[in-house]
C-alpha atoms as a PDB file:
ATOM      1  CA  MET A   1       0.010   0.005  -0.032  1.00  0.00           C
ATOM      2  CA  ILE A   2       1.266   3.468  -0.915  1.00  0.00           C
ATOM      3  CA  ASP A   3       1.738   6.000   2.040  1.00  0.00           C
ATOM      4  CA  ILE A   4       0.196   9.041   0.391  1.00  0.00           C
ATOM      5  CA  HIS A   5       1.477  11.370   3.062  1.00  0.00           C
ATOM      6  CA  LYS A   6       5.102  10.148   2.581  1.00  0.00           C
ATOM      7  CA  GLN A   7       4.608  10.684  -1.142  1.00  0.00           C
ATOM      8  CA  ALA A   8       3.278  14.110  -0.672  1.00  0.00           C
ATOM      9  CA  LYS A   9       6.169  15.038   1.707  1.00  0.00           C
ATOM     10  CA  ASP A  10       8.645  13.841  -0.959  1.00  0.00           C
ATOM     11  CA  TYR A  11       6.784  15.796  -3.639  1.00  0.00           C
ATOM     12  CA  PHE A  12       6.701  19.022  -1.475  1.00  0.00           C
ATOM     13  CA  SER A  13      10.472  18.629  -0.719  1.00  0.00           C
ATOM     14  CA  HIS A  14      11.083  18.935  -4.556  1.00  0.00           C
ATOM     15  CA  ASN A  15       8.483  21.495  -5.023  1.00  0.00           C
ATOM     16  CA  PRO A  16       8.644  23.792  -2.094  1.00  0.00           C
ATOM     17  CA  LYS A  17       6.502  26.515  -3.840  1.00  0.00           C
ATOM     18  CA  GLU A  18       3.557  24.375  -4.124  1.00  0.00           C
ATOM     19  CA  ALA A  19       0.965  24.975  -1.228  1.00  0.00           C
ATOM     20  CA  THR A  20      -1.472  22.059  -1.830  1.00  0.00           C
ATOM     21  CA  ILE A  21      -1.787  18.857  -3.778  1.00  0.00           C
ATOM     22  CA  GLY A  22      -4.855  16.675  -4.430  1.00  0.00           C
ATOM     23  CA  ILE A  23      -4.891  12.997  -4.654  1.00  0.00           C
ATOM     24  CA  ALA A  24      -7.488  11.679  -7.300  1.00  0.00           C
ATOM     25  CA  LEU A  25      -8.767   8.578  -8.868  1.00  0.00           C
ATOM     26  CA  LEU A  26      -8.339   8.814 -12.699  1.00  0.00           C
ATOM     27  CA  THR A  27      -9.623   6.510 -15.301  1.00  0.00           C
ATOM     28  CA  GLU A  28      -7.022   5.194 -17.833  1.00  0.00           C
ATOM     29  CA  SER A  29      -8.102   7.640 -20.405  1.00  0.00           C
ATOM     30  CA  GLN A  30      -7.877  10.577 -17.959  1.00  0.00           C
ATOM     31  CA  LEU A  31      -4.437   9.443 -16.918  1.00  0.00           C
ATOM     32  CA  LYS A  32      -3.296   9.338 -20.553  1.00  0.00           C
ATOM     33  CA  ASP A  33      -4.791  12.851 -21.164  1.00  0.00           C
ATOM     34  CA  ALA A  34      -3.014  14.272 -18.195  1.00  0.00           C
ATOM     35  CA  TRP A  35       0.273  12.704 -19.062  1.00  0.00           C
ATOM     36  CA  GLU A  36       0.186  13.669 -22.814  1.00  0.00           C
ATOM     37  CA  ASN A  37      -1.755  16.987 -22.724  1.00  0.00           C
ATOM     38  CA  ASN A  38      -1.334  18.023 -19.141  1.00  0.00           C
ATOM     39  CA  VAL A  39      -5.121  18.300 -18.876  1.00  0.00           C
ATOM     40  CA  ILE A  40      -7.916  16.071 -17.334  1.00  0.00           C
ATOM     41  CA  GLN A  41     -11.168  15.669 -19.009  1.00  0.00           C
ATOM     42  CA  ASN A  42     -14.455  15.154 -17.109  1.00  0.00           C
ATOM     43  CA  GLU A  43     -15.106  14.912 -13.488  1.00  0.00           C
ATOM     44  CA  VAL A  44     -12.523  13.615 -11.090  1.00  0.00           C
ATOM     45  CA  ASP A  45     -12.932  11.820  -7.814  1.00  0.00           C
ATOM     46  CA  VAL A  46     -10.670  13.570  -5.246  1.00  0.00           C
ATOM     47  CA  LEU A  47      -9.592  11.266  -2.442  1.00  0.00           C
ATOM     48  CA  THR A  48      -7.753  13.804  -0.370  1.00  0.00           C
ATOM     49  CA  VAL A  49      -6.158  17.273  -0.376  1.00  0.00           C
ATOM     50  CA  ILE A  50      -2.790  17.649   1.417  1.00  0.00           C
ATOM     51  CA  GLN A  51      -1.290  20.904   2.504  1.00  0.00           C
ATOM     52  CA  ASN A  52       2.512  21.564   2.370  1.00  0.00           C
ATOM     53  CA  GLU A  53       3.342  22.334   6.118  1.00  0.00           C
ATOM     54  CA  ASN A  54       6.454  24.165   5.053  1.00  0.00           C
ATOM     55  CA  TYR A  55       4.853  26.316   2.359  1.00  0.00           C
ATOM     56  CA  VAL A  56       5.584  30.005   2.842  1.00  0.00           C
ATOM     57  CA  ASN A  57       3.314  32.356   1.067  1.00  0.00           C
ATOM     58  CA  PRO A  58       5.752  34.702  -0.885  1.00  0.00           C
ATOM     59  CA  ASP A  59       3.405  37.655  -0.167  1.00  0.00           C
ATOM     60  CA  THR A  60       4.063  37.363   3.485  1.00  0.00           C
ATOM     61  CA  ILE A  61       7.790  37.400   3.268  1.00  0.00           C
ATOM     62  CA  THR A  62       9.668  40.218   4.819  1.00  0.00           C
ATOM     63  CA  GLU A  63      13.096  41.287   3.973  1.00  0.00           C
ATOM     64  CA  TRP A  64      15.742  39.547   6.086  1.00  0.00           C
ATOM     65  CA  ASN A  65      17.252  42.197   8.475  1.00  0.00           C
ATOM     66  CA  GLY A  66      20.744  40.712   8.467  1.00  0.00           C
ATOM     67  CA  ASP A  67      20.407  39.341  12.060  1.00  0.00           C
ATOM     68  CA  THR A  68      22.396  36.068  11.804  1.00  0.00           C
ATOM     69  CA  LYS A  69      20.765  34.796  15.070  1.00  0.00           C
ATOM     70  CA  LEU A  70      17.556  34.095  12.881  1.00  0.00           C
ATOM     71  CA  VAL A  71      19.564  31.900  10.331  1.00  0.00           C
ATOM     72  CA  HIS A  72      19.577  28.101  10.846  1.00  0.00           C
ATOM     73  CA  ASP A  73      19.990  24.814   8.931  1.00  0.00           C
ATOM     74  CA  VAL A  74      23.088  26.152   7.115  1.00  0.00           C
ATOM     75  CA  VAL A  75      24.560  24.215   4.265  1.00  0.00           C
ATOM     76  CA  CYS A  76      28.176  24.842   3.273  1.00  0.00           C
ATOM     77  CA  LEU A  77      29.658  23.769  -0.010  1.00  0.00           C
ATOM     78  CA  ASN A  78      33.128  23.887  -1.610  1.00  0.00           C
ATOM     79  CA  ILE A  79      34.986  22.912   1.599  1.00  0.00           C
ATOM     80  CA  ASN A  80      38.557  21.989   0.609  1.00  0.00           C
ATOM     81  CA  THR A  81      40.257  20.405   3.479  1.00  0.00           C
ATOM     82  CA  LYS A  82      43.626  21.229   1.862  1.00  0.00           C
ATOM     83  CA  ASP A  83      42.780  24.925   2.330  1.00  0.00           C
ATOM     84  CA  TYR A  84      42.444  24.618   6.074  1.00  0.00           C
ATOM     85  CA  PRO A  85      42.149  26.840   8.102  1.00  0.00           C
ATOM     86  CA  ASP A  86      41.198  29.495   5.488  1.00  0.00           C
ATOM     87  CA  PHE A  87      38.563  27.588   3.354  1.00  0.00           C
ATOM     88  CA  SER A  88      38.753  30.451   0.897  1.00  0.00           C
ATOM     89  CA  ASP A  89      36.358  28.811  -1.638  1.00  0.00           C
ATOM     90  CA  ALA A  90      33.735  27.623   0.805  1.00  0.00           C
ATOM     91  CA  PHE A  91      30.303  29.240   0.734  1.00  0.00           C
ATOM     92  CA  ILE A  92      26.843  28.951   2.056  1.00  0.00           C
ATOM     93  CA  SER A  93      24.473  27.296  -0.547  1.00  0.00           C
ATOM     94  CA  GLU A  94      21.460  27.010   1.588  1.00  0.00           C
ATOM     95  CA  ALA A  95      20.012  28.280   4.761  1.00  0.00           C
ATOM     96  CA  TYR A  96      16.708  29.004   6.511  1.00  0.00           C
ATOM     97  CA  VAL A  97      15.577  32.136   8.429  1.00  0.00           C
ATOM     98  CA  LEU A  98      12.975  32.880  10.887  1.00  0.00           C
ATOM     99  CA  ASP A  99      10.538  35.261   9.232  1.00  0.00           C
ATOM    100  CA  ASN A 100       7.470  36.314  11.322  1.00  0.00           C
ATOM    101  CA  ASN A 101       8.144  33.244  13.588  1.00  0.00           C
ATOM    102  CA  VAL A 102       7.996  30.864  10.516  1.00  0.00           C
ATOM    103  CA  SER A 103      11.162  29.247   9.142  1.00  0.00           C
ATOM    104  CA  ARG A 104      11.618  29.834   5.257  1.00  0.00           C
ATOM    105  CA  PRO A 105      14.390  29.209   2.926  1.00  0.00           C
ATOM    106  CA  MET A 106      16.559  32.177   2.272  1.00  0.00           C
ATOM    107  CA  THR A 107      16.422  33.895  -1.120  1.00  0.00           C
ATOM    108  CA  GLU A 108      19.395  34.133  -3.429  1.00  0.00           C
ATOM    109  CA  ASN A 109      19.992  37.768  -2.573  1.00  0.00           C
ATOM    110  CA  GLU A 110      19.855  36.938   1.101  1.00  0.00           C
ATOM    111  CA  LEU A 111      22.297  34.008   0.651  1.00  0.00           C
ATOM    112  CA  ASP A 112      24.610  36.489  -1.186  1.00  0.00           C
ATOM    113  CA  GLU A 113      24.463  38.927   1.732  1.00  0.00           C
ATOM    114  CA  LEU A 114      25.096  36.051   4.270  1.00  0.00           C
ATOM    115  CA  ASN A 115      28.048  34.908   2.150  1.00  0.00           C
ATOM    116  CA  ASN A 116      29.569  38.392   2.497  1.00  0.00           C
ATOM    117  CA  ASP A 117      29.763  37.770   6.187  1.00  0.00           C
ATOM    118  CA  LEU A 118      33.067  35.775   6.074  1.00  0.00           C
ATOM    119  CA  GLU A 119      33.147  35.305   9.858  1.00  0.00           C
ATOM    120  CA  PHE A 120      29.769  33.660   9.849  1.00  0.00           C
ATOM    121  CA  VAL A 121      30.772  31.400   6.797  1.00  0.00           C
ATOM    122  CA  HIS A 122      34.132  30.551   8.350  1.00  0.00           C
ATOM    123  CA  TYR A 123      32.392  29.685  11.686  1.00  0.00           C
ATOM    124  CA  HIS A 124      30.008  27.307   9.986  1.00  0.00           C
ATOM    125  CA  VAL A 125      32.743  25.667   7.919  1.00  0.00           C
ATOM    126  CA  LEU A 126      34.876  25.111  10.939  1.00  0.00           C
ATOM    127  CA  TYR A 127      32.592  24.315  13.851  1.00  0.00           C
ATOM    128  CA  VAL A 128      29.165  23.468  12.452  1.00  0.00           C
ATOM    129  CA  THR A 129      30.424  21.061   9.770  1.00  0.00           C
ATOM    130  CA  GLY A 130      32.931  19.641  12.225  1.00  0.00           C
ATOM    131  CA  MET A 131      36.192  20.602  10.377  1.00  0.00           C
ATOM    132  CA  LYS A 132      37.943  21.540  13.631  1.00  0.00           C
END
């Protein structure tokens, strides 16, 4: 038996901008139309609707104020151990920020700003990723 909630969670992890998905029963011809034409003809029996618990409405996002205490779940890339202790090529590729008490992924511009804080990047490479 398929665990639809697990499947939905996996779908949302690859499609974080999707707020909701519906699980439906389709006939063979409806499935073919959906696959080939990206359209479903006739009525559909919806089994359930699942909300993305991590969805953040882009209309409610406020600009990050630069407070690194609000940043968490930092992912560092390009860590070259031969470059210890400088790690000059290392950078933060992904991070989350608390925005109105909701965690959301940082935007590309916010990540750029965060990567300009070399002390913050260096700290996460050395201590958070366990390089020291």
